[in-house]
Amino acid sequence: MTEELFLRTTASAEETEAVGAWLAEQLADGTYPPFIALYGDLGVGKTALTRGLASVLAPGSLVRSPTFALVNEYRNGKTPLFHFDMYRVEGEDDLESIGYWDYLDRGICVVEWSEKIPFALPDRYLRVTIEKLPDDLNARSITVQLVR
């Protein structure tokens, strides 16, 4: 079952970060599950949204895409934030090698390229889809859904 929670259009990376900060506040108070599956094309703003999450959950963290590391850990806050990039993941063995399953109960997980690991998503999570809008190179449509 999927329930749409939020739909927002942003006009800049800063506005996309603000959506991430809003989402972090919802996560911090336990309103939603501690797993965010990100969907969207290359360069659409997934890392910008994660910067917004980290601004609340792990203030002062330098957020970069974990493309080659596969996971970045931000522990500057009360609850650790784990930022995954699944673009290069080929299967369950890759997830095992980075200890993916161990992260799921240790903090808040945000996962870029979640479409690569549908078999490894938890039963309950937030699905965030970011899409470029055709009329403005900087504009994005951000949809947040609760999947259960």
N, C-alpha and C. Protein backbone atom coordinates (compact mmCIF):
# COMPACT_ATOMS: atom_id res chain seq x y z
N MET A 1 0.84 -1.17 0.00
CA MET A 1 0.00 0.00 0.00
C MET A 1 0.89 1.24 0.00
N THR A 2 0.53 2.23 -0.81
CA THR A 2 1.29 3.46 -0.90
C THR A 2 0.37 4.65 -0.64
N GLU A 3 0.84 5.54 0.22
CA GLU A 3 0.06 6.73 0.57
C GLU A 3 0.91 7.97 0.26
N GLU A 4 0.36 8.85 -0.58
CA GLU A 4 1.08 10.08 -0.90
C GLU A 4 1.01 11.04 0.28
N LEU A 5 2.17 11.52 0.71
CA LEU A 5 2.25 12.41 1.87
C LEU A 5 2.51 13.86 1.49
N PHE A 6 3.22 14.06 0.38
CA PHE A 6 3.75 15.39 0.12
C PHE A 6 4.10 15.51 -1.35
N LEU A 7 3.73 16.60 -1.97
CA LEU A 7 4.12 16.90 -3.34
C LEU A 7 4.54 18.35 -3.37
N ARG A 8 5.74 18.61 -3.85
CA ARG A 8 6.27 19.98 -3.83
C ARG A 8 7.07 20.22 -5.09
N THR A 9 6.98 21.41 -5.61
CA THR A 9 7.82 21.84 -6.71
C THR A 9 8.85 22.79 -6.15
N THR A 10 10.12 22.55 -6.49
CA THR A 10 11.19 23.42 -6.04
C THR A 10 11.82 24.10 -7.25
N ALA A 11 12.45 25.25 -7.01
CA ALA A 11 13.03 26.03 -8.10
C ALA A 11 14.55 26.12 -8.01
N SER A 12 15.14 25.48 -6.98
CA SER A 12 16.59 25.57 -6.80
C SER A 12 17.07 24.42 -5.92
N ALA A 13 18.39 24.23 -5.91
CA ALA A 13 18.96 23.21 -5.03
C ALA A 13 18.68 23.54 -3.57
N GLU A 14 18.69 24.83 -3.22
CA GLU A 14 18.42 25.25 -1.84
C GLU A 14 17.00 24.88 -1.42
N GLU A 15 16.05 25.03 -2.32
CA GLU A 15 14.67 24.64 -2.00
C GLU A 15 14.55 23.12 -1.87
N THR A 16 15.30 22.38 -2.68
CA THR A 16 15.31 20.92 -2.56
C THR A 16 15.90 20.52 -1.21
N GLU A 17 16.96 21.21 -0.79
CA GLU A 17 17.54 20.96 0.54
C GLU A 17 16.53 21.25 1.64
N ALA A 18 15.73 22.30 1.47
CA ALA A 18 14.71 22.65 2.47
C ALA A 18 13.67 21.54 2.60
N VAL A 19 13.33 20.89 1.49
CA VAL A 19 12.41 19.74 1.56
C VAL A 19 13.06 18.62 2.36
N GLY A 20 14.36 18.40 2.15
CA GLY A 20 15.08 17.38 2.92
C GLY A 20 15.09 17.71 4.40
N ALA A 21 15.26 18.99 4.75
CA ALA A 21 15.25 19.41 6.16
C ALA A 21 13.87 19.17 6.77
N TRP A 22 12.83 19.49 6.04
CA TRP A 22 11.46 19.24 6.52
C TRP A 22 11.26 17.75 6.77
N LEU A 23 11.73 16.94 5.84
CA LEU A 23 11.59 15.49 5.96
C LEU A 23 12.35 14.98 7.18
N ALA A 24 13.53 15.53 7.42
CA ALA A 24 14.34 15.13 8.59
C ALA A 24 13.61 15.41 9.88
N GLU A 25 12.90 16.52 9.95
CA GLU A 25 12.13 16.84 11.17
C GLU A 25 11.05 15.80 11.41
N GLN A 26 10.43 15.32 10.33
CA GLN A 26 9.41 14.27 10.46
C GLN A 26 10.03 12.96 10.94
N LEU A 27 11.21 12.67 10.44
CA LEU A 27 11.92 11.44 10.84
C LEU A 27 12.39 11.53 12.29
N ALA A 28 12.88 12.70 12.67
CA ALA A 28 13.45 12.89 14.02
C ALA A 28 12.42 12.66 15.11
N ASP A 29 11.16 12.98 14.83
CA ASP A 29 10.14 12.80 15.87
C ASP A 29 9.46 11.43 15.79
N GLY A 30 9.96 10.56 14.90
CA GLY A 30 9.44 9.19 14.82
C GLY A 30 8.15 9.04 14.04
N THR A 31 7.72 10.10 13.34
CA THR A 31 6.48 10.05 12.57
C THR A 31 6.54 9.01 11.45
N TYR A 32 7.69 8.90 10.83
CA TYR A 32 7.84 8.01 9.67
C TYR A 32 8.98 7.02 9.88
N PRO A 33 9.00 5.94 9.09
CA PRO A 33 10.06 4.94 9.23
C PRO A 33 11.43 5.55 8.88
N PRO A 34 12.49 5.02 9.47
CA PRO A 34 13.83 5.57 9.29
C PRO A 34 14.54 5.10 8.03
N PHE A 35 13.82 4.97 6.94
CA PHE A 35 14.40 4.54 5.67
C PHE A 35 13.78 5.35 4.55
N ILE A 36 14.64 5.98 3.75
CA ILE A 36 14.18 6.78 2.61
C ILE A 36 14.78 6.21 1.34
N ALA A 37 13.92 5.76 0.45
CA ALA A 37 14.34 5.25 -0.85
C ALA A 37 14.19 6.37 -1.86
N LEU A 38 15.32 6.80 -2.44
CA LEU A 38 15.30 7.90 -3.41
C LEU A 38 15.26 7.37 -4.83
N TYR A 39 14.43 8.02 -5.65
CA TYR A 39 14.29 7.67 -7.06
C TYR A 39 14.44 8.94 -7.87
N GLY A 40 15.15 8.85 -8.98
CA GLY A 40 15.31 10.00 -9.86
C GLY A 40 16.55 9.85 -10.71
N ASP A 41 16.55 10.51 -11.85
CA ASP A 41 17.66 10.44 -12.79
C ASP A 41 18.92 11.07 -12.23
N LEU A 42 20.01 10.84 -12.91
CA LEU A 42 21.30 11.42 -12.58
C LEU A 42 21.20 12.95 -12.59
N GLY A 43 21.69 13.59 -11.55
CA GLY A 43 21.72 15.04 -11.48
C GLY A 43 20.42 15.72 -11.13
N VAL A 44 19.46 14.95 -10.64
CA VAL A 44 18.13 15.51 -10.37
C VAL A 44 18.03 16.17 -8.99
N GLY A 45 18.95 15.85 -8.07
CA GLY A 45 18.92 16.49 -6.75
C GLY A 45 18.82 15.55 -5.57
N LYS A 46 19.13 14.28 -5.77
CA LYS A 46 19.06 13.32 -4.66
C LYS A 46 20.06 13.67 -3.56
N THR A 47 21.26 14.06 -3.94
CA THR A 47 22.26 14.44 -2.93
C THR A 47 21.89 15.77 -2.28
N ALA A 48 21.29 16.69 -3.02
CA ALA A 48 20.83 17.96 -2.43
C ALA A 48 19.78 17.68 -1.36
N LEU A 49 18.85 16.79 -1.64
CA LEU A 49 17.84 16.44 -0.64
C LEU A 49 18.51 15.82 0.59
N THR A 50 19.53 15.00 0.36
CA THR A 50 20.25 14.38 1.47
C THR A 50 21.00 15.44 2.29
N ARG A 51 21.54 16.46 1.63
CA ARG A 51 22.18 17.57 2.37
C ARG A 51 21.18 18.22 3.32
N GLY A 52 19.94 18.38 2.86
CA GLY A 52 18.90 18.93 3.72
C GLY A 52 18.60 18.03 4.90
N LEU A 53 18.53 16.73 4.66
CA LEU A 53 18.34 15.77 5.75
C LEU A 53 19.46 15.92 6.78
N ALA A 54 20.69 15.94 6.29
CA ALA A 54 21.85 16.01 7.18
C ALA A 54 21.91 17.33 7.94
N SER A 55 21.40 18.41 7.36
CA SER A 55 21.45 19.70 8.06
C SER A 55 20.69 19.65 9.38
N VAL A 56 19.70 18.77 9.46
CA VAL A 56 18.91 18.60 10.69
C VAL A 56 19.43 17.42 11.51
N LEU A 57 19.70 16.30 10.85
CA LEU A 57 20.04 15.06 11.55
C LEU A 57 21.51 14.96 11.93
N ALA A 58 22.38 15.60 11.15
CA ALA A 58 23.83 15.53 11.40
C ALA A 58 24.45 16.88 11.05
N PRO A 59 24.11 17.92 11.81
CA PRO A 59 24.57 19.28 11.49
C PRO A 59 26.08 19.36 11.33
N GLY A 60 26.49 20.13 10.34
CA GLY A 60 27.91 20.33 10.10
C GLY A 60 28.56 19.27 9.22
N SER A 61 27.81 18.27 8.81
CA SER A 61 28.37 17.22 7.96
C SER A 61 28.57 17.74 6.54
N LEU A 62 29.65 17.31 5.94
CA LEU A 62 29.93 17.61 4.54
C LEU A 62 29.36 16.45 3.72
N VAL A 63 28.23 16.70 3.08
CA VAL A 63 27.52 15.63 2.36
C VAL A 63 27.97 15.60 0.91
N ARG A 64 28.44 14.44 0.51
CA ARG A 64 28.82 14.18 -0.88
C ARG A 64 28.19 12.86 -1.29
N SER A 65 27.97 12.72 -2.58
CA SER A 65 27.42 11.47 -3.08
C SER A 65 28.39 10.33 -2.79
N PRO A 66 27.90 9.22 -2.26
CA PRO A 66 28.77 8.08 -1.96
C PRO A 66 28.97 7.15 -3.17
N THR A 67 29.09 7.72 -4.35
CA THR A 67 29.16 6.93 -5.58
C THR A 67 30.20 5.83 -5.52
N PHE A 68 31.40 6.14 -5.08
CA PHE A 68 32.46 5.13 -5.08
C PHE A 68 32.59 4.42 -3.74
N ALA A 69 32.24 5.09 -2.66
CA ALA A 69 32.31 4.48 -1.33
C ALA A 69 31.11 3.57 -1.07
N LEU A 70 30.02 3.78 -1.77
CA LEU A 70 28.73 3.11 -1.63
C LEU A 70 27.94 3.56 -0.40
N VAL A 71 28.63 3.92 0.69
CA VAL A 71 27.92 4.42 1.86
C VAL A 71 28.78 5.47 2.56
N ASN A 72 28.15 6.57 2.94
CA ASN A 72 28.78 7.59 3.78
C ASN A 72 28.01 7.64 5.09
N GLU A 73 28.75 7.76 6.18
CA GLU A 73 28.13 7.82 7.50
C GLU A 73 28.27 9.23 8.04
N TYR A 74 27.16 9.77 8.57
CA TYR A 74 27.15 11.08 9.20
C TYR A 74 26.67 10.88 10.63
N ARG A 75 27.56 11.11 11.58
CA ARG A 75 27.27 10.80 12.98
C ARG A 75 27.32 12.04 13.87
N ASN A 76 27.09 13.22 13.31
CA ASN A 76 27.18 14.46 14.09
C ASN A 76 25.92 14.76 14.90
N GLY A 77 24.92 13.94 14.80
CA GLY A 77 23.66 14.21 15.49
C GLY A 77 23.30 13.12 16.47
N LYS A 78 22.10 13.21 16.98
CA LYS A 78 21.60 12.24 17.95
C LYS A 78 21.43 10.85 17.33
N THR A 79 20.98 10.82 16.07
CA THR A 79 20.77 9.57 15.36
C THR A 79 21.66 9.55 14.12
N PRO A 80 22.44 8.49 13.91
CA PRO A 80 23.30 8.43 12.73
C PRO A 80 22.48 8.45 11.43
N LEU A 81 23.06 9.07 10.42
CA LEU A 81 22.47 9.10 9.08
C LEU A 81 23.41 8.35 8.15
N PHE A 82 22.88 7.36 7.45
CA PHE A 82 23.66 6.54 6.53
C PHE A 82 23.16 6.81 5.11
N HIS A 83 24.06 7.24 4.24
CA HIS A 83 23.74 7.68 2.88
C HIS A 83 24.35 6.68 1.89
N PHE A 84 23.49 5.94 1.21
CA PHE A 84 23.92 4.91 0.28
C PHE A 84 23.74 5.35 -1.17
N ASP A 85 24.60 4.83 -2.05
CA ASP A 85 24.44 4.99 -3.49
C ASP A 85 24.50 3.59 -4.09
N MET A 86 23.38 3.14 -4.65
CA MET A 86 23.29 1.78 -5.16
C MET A 86 23.49 1.70 -6.67
N TYR A 87 23.96 2.78 -7.29
CA TYR A 87 24.11 2.82 -8.74
C TYR A 87 24.96 1.67 -9.27
N ARG A 88 26.03 1.33 -8.58
CA ARG A 88 26.94 0.28 -9.04
C ARG A 88 26.67 -1.10 -8.41
N VAL A 89 25.65 -1.20 -7.61
CA VAL A 89 25.33 -2.47 -6.95
C VAL A 89 24.71 -3.43 -7.97
N GLU A 90 25.24 -4.65 -7.97
CA GLU A 90 24.79 -5.66 -8.93
C GLU A 90 23.89 -6.73 -8.30
N GLY A 91 23.88 -6.81 -6.98
CA GLY A 91 23.06 -7.84 -6.37
C GLY A 91 23.29 -7.94 -4.88
N GLU A 92 22.75 -8.99 -4.31
CA GLU A 92 22.80 -9.18 -2.86
C GLU A 92 24.23 -9.32 -2.32
N ASP A 93 25.12 -9.89 -3.10
CA ASP A 93 26.52 -10.03 -2.65
C ASP A 93 27.15 -8.66 -2.42
N ASP A 94 26.86 -7.71 -3.29
CA ASP A 94 27.40 -6.35 -3.12
C ASP A 94 26.86 -5.73 -1.82
N LEU A 95 25.60 -5.97 -1.54
CA LEU A 95 25.01 -5.43 -0.30
C LEU A 95 25.67 -6.07 0.92
N GLU A 96 25.91 -7.35 0.85
CA GLU A 96 26.59 -8.05 1.94
C GLU A 96 27.98 -7.47 2.17
N SER A 97 28.70 -7.19 1.10
CA SER A 97 30.08 -6.73 1.23
C SER A 97 30.19 -5.36 1.90
N ILE A 98 29.15 -4.54 1.82
CA ILE A 98 29.20 -3.23 2.49
C ILE A 98 28.47 -3.25 3.84
N GLY A 99 27.94 -4.41 4.23
CA GLY A 99 27.26 -4.52 5.51
C GLY A 99 25.89 -3.84 5.53
N TYR A 100 25.26 -3.75 4.38
CA TYR A 100 23.97 -3.06 4.24
C TYR A 100 22.95 -3.47 5.29
N TRP A 101 22.77 -4.75 5.49
CA TRP A 101 21.73 -5.25 6.38
C TRP A 101 21.97 -4.79 7.82
N ASP A 102 23.23 -4.62 8.21
CA ASP A 102 23.56 -4.18 9.56
C ASP A 102 23.21 -2.71 9.80
N TYR A 103 23.18 -1.92 8.75
CA TYR A 103 22.87 -0.50 8.89
C TYR A 103 21.38 -0.25 9.18
N LEU A 104 20.53 -1.14 8.75
CA LEU A 104 19.09 -0.88 8.76
C LEU A 104 18.50 -0.61 10.14
N ASP A 105 19.10 -1.10 11.18
CA ASP A 105 18.55 -0.86 12.51
C ASP A 105 19.46 0.00 13.38
N ARG A 106 20.40 0.70 12.74
CA ARG A 106 21.37 1.50 13.50
C ARG A 106 21.20 3.01 13.32
N GLY A 107 20.24 3.43 12.51
CA GLY A 107 20.06 4.85 12.28
C GLY A 107 19.07 5.08 11.15
N ILE A 108 19.16 6.25 10.55
CA ILE A 108 18.30 6.60 9.42
C ILE A 108 19.08 6.33 8.14
N CYS A 109 18.47 5.61 7.22
CA CYS A 109 19.12 5.27 5.96
C CYS A 109 18.45 6.02 4.82
N VAL A 110 19.25 6.64 3.98
CA VAL A 110 18.76 7.27 2.76
C VAL A 110 19.52 6.62 1.61
N VAL A 111 18.77 6.11 0.62
CA VAL A 111 19.36 5.27 -0.41
C VAL A 111 19.07 5.84 -1.80
N GLU A 112 20.14 6.29 -2.47
CA GLU A 112 20.03 6.72 -3.86
C GLU A 112 20.02 5.50 -4.76
N TRP A 113 19.30 5.59 -5.87
CA TRP A 113 19.18 4.51 -6.86
C TRP A 113 18.53 3.27 -6.24
N SER A 114 17.47 3.47 -5.48
CA SER A 114 16.77 2.36 -4.83
C SER A 114 16.15 1.39 -5.82
N GLU A 115 15.91 1.84 -7.04
CA GLU A 115 15.35 0.94 -8.04
C GLU A 115 16.28 -0.24 -8.35
N LYS A 116 17.56 -0.12 -8.00
CA LYS A 116 18.53 -1.20 -8.21
C LYS A 116 18.38 -2.32 -7.17
N ILE A 117 17.70 -2.04 -6.04
CA ILE A 117 17.62 -3.05 -4.97
C ILE A 117 16.18 -3.24 -4.47
N PRO A 118 15.21 -3.43 -5.33
CA PRO A 118 13.83 -3.58 -4.85
C PRO A 118 13.67 -4.75 -3.87
N PHE A 119 14.49 -5.77 -4.01
CA PHE A 119 14.44 -6.94 -3.15
C PHE A 119 14.97 -6.66 -1.73
N ALA A 120 15.66 -5.52 -1.55
CA ALA A 120 16.30 -5.24 -0.27
C ALA A 120 15.67 -4.06 0.48
N LEU A 121 14.55 -3.57 -0.02
CA LEU A 121 13.87 -2.47 0.67
C LEU A 121 13.06 -3.03 1.83
N PRO A 122 12.99 -2.28 2.95
CA PRO A 122 12.20 -2.77 4.08
C PRO A 122 10.71 -2.79 3.76
N ASP A 123 9.94 -3.41 4.62
CA ASP A 123 8.49 -3.49 4.42
C ASP A 123 7.81 -2.13 4.50
N ARG A 124 8.39 -1.22 5.28
CA ARG A 124 7.81 0.11 5.50
C ARG A 124 8.91 1.14 5.30
N TYR A 125 8.69 2.08 4.39
CA TYR A 125 9.71 3.10 4.10
C TYR A 125 9.08 4.30 3.41
N LEU A 126 9.85 5.37 3.29
CA LEU A 126 9.44 6.53 2.53
C LEU A 126 10.04 6.46 1.14
N ARG A 127 9.23 6.63 0.15
CA ARG A 127 9.68 6.67 -1.24
C ARG A 127 9.66 8.12 -1.68
N VAL A 128 10.82 8.64 -2.06
CA VAL A 128 10.94 10.03 -2.51
C VAL A 128 11.36 10.01 -3.98
N THR A 129 10.50 10.56 -4.83
CA THR A 129 10.78 10.62 -6.26
C THR A 129 11.03 12.07 -6.63
N ILE A 130 12.16 12.33 -7.28
CA ILE A 130 12.52 13.67 -7.72
C ILE A 130 12.60 13.65 -9.25
N GLU A 131 11.89 14.59 -9.88
CA GLU A 131 11.88 14.66 -11.34
C GLU A 131 12.15 16.08 -11.79
N LYS A 132 12.92 16.21 -12.87
CA LYS A 132 13.13 17.52 -13.48
C LYS A 132 11.85 17.93 -14.20
N LEU A 133 11.56 19.22 -14.15
CA LEU A 133 10.41 19.74 -14.88
C LEU A 133 10.89 20.28 -16.23
N PRO A 134 10.11 20.06 -17.29
CA PRO A 134 10.59 20.39 -18.64
C PRO A 134 10.77 21.89 -18.92
N ASP A 135 10.06 22.74 -18.24
CA ASP A 135 10.08 24.17 -18.57
C ASP A 135 11.19 24.96 -17.90
N ASP A 136 11.85 24.37 -16.90
CA ASP A 136 12.87 25.10 -16.14
C ASP A 136 13.95 24.12 -15.72
N LEU A 137 15.19 24.36 -16.13
CA LEU A 137 16.28 23.44 -15.82
C LEU A 137 16.52 23.24 -14.33
N ASN A 138 16.14 24.22 -13.50
CA ASN A 138 16.36 24.13 -12.06
C ASN A 138 15.16 23.61 -11.29
N ALA A 139 14.01 23.55 -11.92
CA ALA A 139 12.77 23.16 -11.22
C ALA A 139 12.69 21.64 -11.07
N ARG A 140 12.18 21.23 -9.91
CA ARG A 140 12.00 19.82 -9.61
C ARG A 140 10.62 19.57 -9.02
N SER A 141 10.09 18.40 -9.30
CA SER A 141 8.88 17.92 -8.64
C SER A 141 9.33 16.84 -7.66
N ILE A 142 8.95 17.00 -6.39
CA ILE A 142 9.35 16.05 -5.36
C ILE A 142 8.09 15.44 -4.76
N THR A 143 7.99 14.12 -4.85
CA THR A 143 6.85 13.40 -4.30
C THR A 143 7.36 12.51 -3.16
N VAL A 144 6.70 12.60 -2.01
CA VAL A 144 7.04 11.74 -0.87
C VAL A 144 5.85 10.84 -0.61
N GLN A 145 6.11 9.52 -0.58
CA GLN A 145 5.07 8.54 -0.34
C GLN A 145 5.49 7.61 0.80
N LEU A 146 4.52 7.19 1.58
CA LEU A 146 4.75 6.18 2.61
C LEU A 146 4.36 4.83 1.99
N VAL A 147 5.32 3.90 1.97
CA VAL A 147 5.07 2.56 1.44
C VAL A 147 5.02 1.61 2.62
N ARG A 148 3.96 0.80 2.66
CA ARG A 148 3.82 -0.19 3.73
C ARG A 148 3.10 -1.42 3.24
